[in-house]
Protein backbone atom coordinates (compact mmCIF):
# COMPACT_ATOMS: atom_id res chain seq x y z
CA MET A 1 142.26 -22.53 290.41
CA ALA A 2 139.47 -25.08 289.97
CA PRO A 3 136.38 -24.63 292.19
CA THR A 4 136.96 -27.92 294.04
CA ARG A 5 140.60 -27.00 294.67
CA LEU A 6 139.51 -23.58 295.94
CA ILE A 7 137.06 -25.18 298.37
CA GLU A 8 139.77 -27.56 299.61
CA SER A 9 142.20 -24.67 300.11
CA ALA A 10 139.58 -22.65 301.99
CA THR A 11 138.83 -25.69 304.15
CA VAL A 12 142.54 -26.09 304.97
CA ALA A 13 142.70 -22.38 305.86
CA VAL A 14 139.69 -22.56 308.20
CA GLY A 15 140.96 -25.78 309.79
CA GLY A 16 144.45 -24.29 310.18
CA ALA A 17 143.09 -21.15 311.81
CA LEU A 18 140.96 -23.20 314.19
CA GLY A 19 143.91 -25.47 315.07
CA ALA A 20 146.16 -22.48 315.73
CA VAL A 21 143.56 -20.87 318.01
CA ILE A 22 143.10 -24.10 319.96
CA ARG A 23 146.89 -24.45 320.38
CA TYR A 24 147.17 -20.82 321.52
CA GLU A 25 144.36 -21.25 324.06
CA ILE A 26 145.98 -24.38 325.50
CA TRP A 27 149.26 -22.50 325.85
CA GLN A 28 147.44 -19.80 327.84
CA TRP A 29 146.14 -22.19 330.52
CA ARG A 30 149.31 -21.73 332.55
CA ASP A 31 152.20 -19.41 331.96
CA THR A 32 155.29 -21.27 333.08
CA PRO A 33 158.22 -22.58 331.01
CA LYS A 34 157.68 -26.15 332.29
CA TRP A 35 153.98 -26.08 331.36
CA LEU A 36 154.81 -24.75 327.88
CA LEU A 37 157.13 -27.71 327.21
CA ILE A 38 154.69 -30.26 328.63
CA ASN A 39 151.68 -29.01 326.71
CA THR A 40 153.66 -28.46 323.50
CA PHE A 41 154.78 -32.08 323.72
CA GLY A 42 151.17 -33.14 324.28
CA ILE A 43 149.93 -30.95 321.43
CA ASN A 44 152.51 -32.47 319.06
CA VAL A 45 151.57 -36.03 320.02
CA LEU A 46 147.82 -35.35 319.91
CA GLY A 47 148.09 -33.56 316.55
CA CYS A 48 150.03 -36.48 315.06
CA LEU A 49 147.50 -38.96 316.47
CA LEU A 50 144.60 -36.91 315.05
CA LEU A 51 146.18 -36.60 311.61
CA GLY A 52 147.23 -40.26 311.44
CA SER A 53 143.85 -41.54 312.66
CA ALA A 54 141.85 -39.35 310.30
CA LEU A 55 144.02 -40.07 307.27
CA GLY A 56 143.92 -43.80 308.07
CA TYR A 57 140.13 -43.67 308.34
CA LEU A 58 139.80 -41.65 305.11
CA SER A 59 142.33 -43.79 303.22
CA GLY A 60 140.89 -45.04 299.95
CA ARG A 61 137.76 -42.94 300.32
CA PRO A 62 136.94 -40.10 297.95
CA ALA A 63 136.79 -37.44 300.68
CA PRO A 64 138.89 -34.42 299.62
CA ILE A 65 137.04 -31.91 301.83
CA PRO A 66 137.22 -33.90 305.10
CA ARG A 67 140.86 -34.75 304.31
CA ALA A 68 141.60 -31.05 303.78
CA ALA A 69 139.77 -30.11 306.99
CA VAL A 70 141.72 -32.62 309.07
CA ALA A 71 145.03 -31.64 307.47
CA GLY A 72 144.34 -27.97 308.15
CA LEU A 73 143.19 -28.57 311.73
CA ALA A 74 146.03 -30.93 312.67
CA CYS A 75 148.71 -28.91 310.93
CA GLY A 76 147.40 -25.63 312.36
CA PHE A 77 147.27 -27.26 315.77
CA THR A 78 150.83 -28.52 315.36
CA THR A 79 153.15 -28.28 312.40
CA PHE A 80 154.93 -31.32 313.80
CA SER A 81 152.12 -33.51 312.51
CA PHE A 82 152.86 -32.48 308.91
CA TYR A 83 156.58 -33.07 309.48
CA ALA A 84 155.79 -36.58 310.74
CA LEU A 85 153.47 -37.23 307.78
CA GLN A 86 156.15 -36.18 305.30
CA GLY A 87 158.70 -38.33 307.09
CA ILE A 88 156.69 -41.53 306.79
CA THR A 89 155.34 -40.94 303.28
CA HIS A 90 158.61 -39.97 301.60
CA ASP A 91 159.83 -42.29 298.84
CA GLY A 92 162.88 -44.16 300.04
CA ALA A 93 163.50 -45.37 303.59
CA TRP A 94 166.97 -43.82 303.83
CA ASN A 95 165.68 -40.39 302.76
CA SER A 96 162.90 -40.63 305.37
CA VAL A 97 165.36 -41.45 308.16
CA VAL A 98 167.66 -38.57 307.17
CA TYR A 99 164.70 -36.18 306.93
CA ILE A 100 163.26 -37.23 310.31
CA VAL A 101 166.63 -37.01 312.11
CA VAL A 102 168.14 -33.96 310.41
CA THR A 103 165.07 -31.68 310.36
CA PRO A 104 164.77 -31.06 314.12
CA VAL A 105 168.52 -30.65 314.54
CA VAL A 106 168.79 -28.10 311.73
CA ALA A 107 165.54 -26.38 312.75
CA VAL A 108 166.72 -25.88 316.35
CA ALA A 109 170.10 -24.64 315.10
CA ALA A 110 168.33 -22.21 312.72
CA LEU A 111 166.15 -20.92 315.56
CA ALA A 112 169.22 -20.37 317.75
CA ALA A 113 171.09 -18.65 314.91
CA GLY A 114 168.13 -16.40 314.14
CA ALA A 115 167.79 -15.42 317.79
CA LEU A 116 171.52 -14.80 318.08
CA VAL A 117 171.70 -12.65 314.96
CA THR A 118 168.67 -10.52 315.81
CA ARG A 119 169.28 -10.12 319.56
CA PRO A 120 169.93 -6.49 320.48
CA VAL A 121 173.51 -5.71 321.38
CA GLN A 122 174.00 -5.22 325.10
CA ARG A 123 176.25 -2.25 325.70
CA THR A 124 178.32 -2.30 328.84
CA ARG A 125 179.41 0.90 330.47
């Protein structure tokens, strides 16, 4: 791995770790199911705004380290921001629409299936 690439990867890792810690701390402010949904929604929107704003500002500029830092931070803060970025930068409008619509449906179904398959069996007496 080239030295510049290594620095970018390390920057993404540090940004991702910082974003994940910030997200975790926000989740800890209140421990109710309603709060978790509200702040997760806010985190997703804020992360997408951060990533879009930073990448727009850095567009056309030779700034691989700041770009890596923002990508790590936003995507550690919320993976939804990377999903949104992939959705709008994919080649082909039809593929983007399918990706944006199908991903959350399949992801929620996969989460439900995983929980169902791994849930302990309740034995009745």
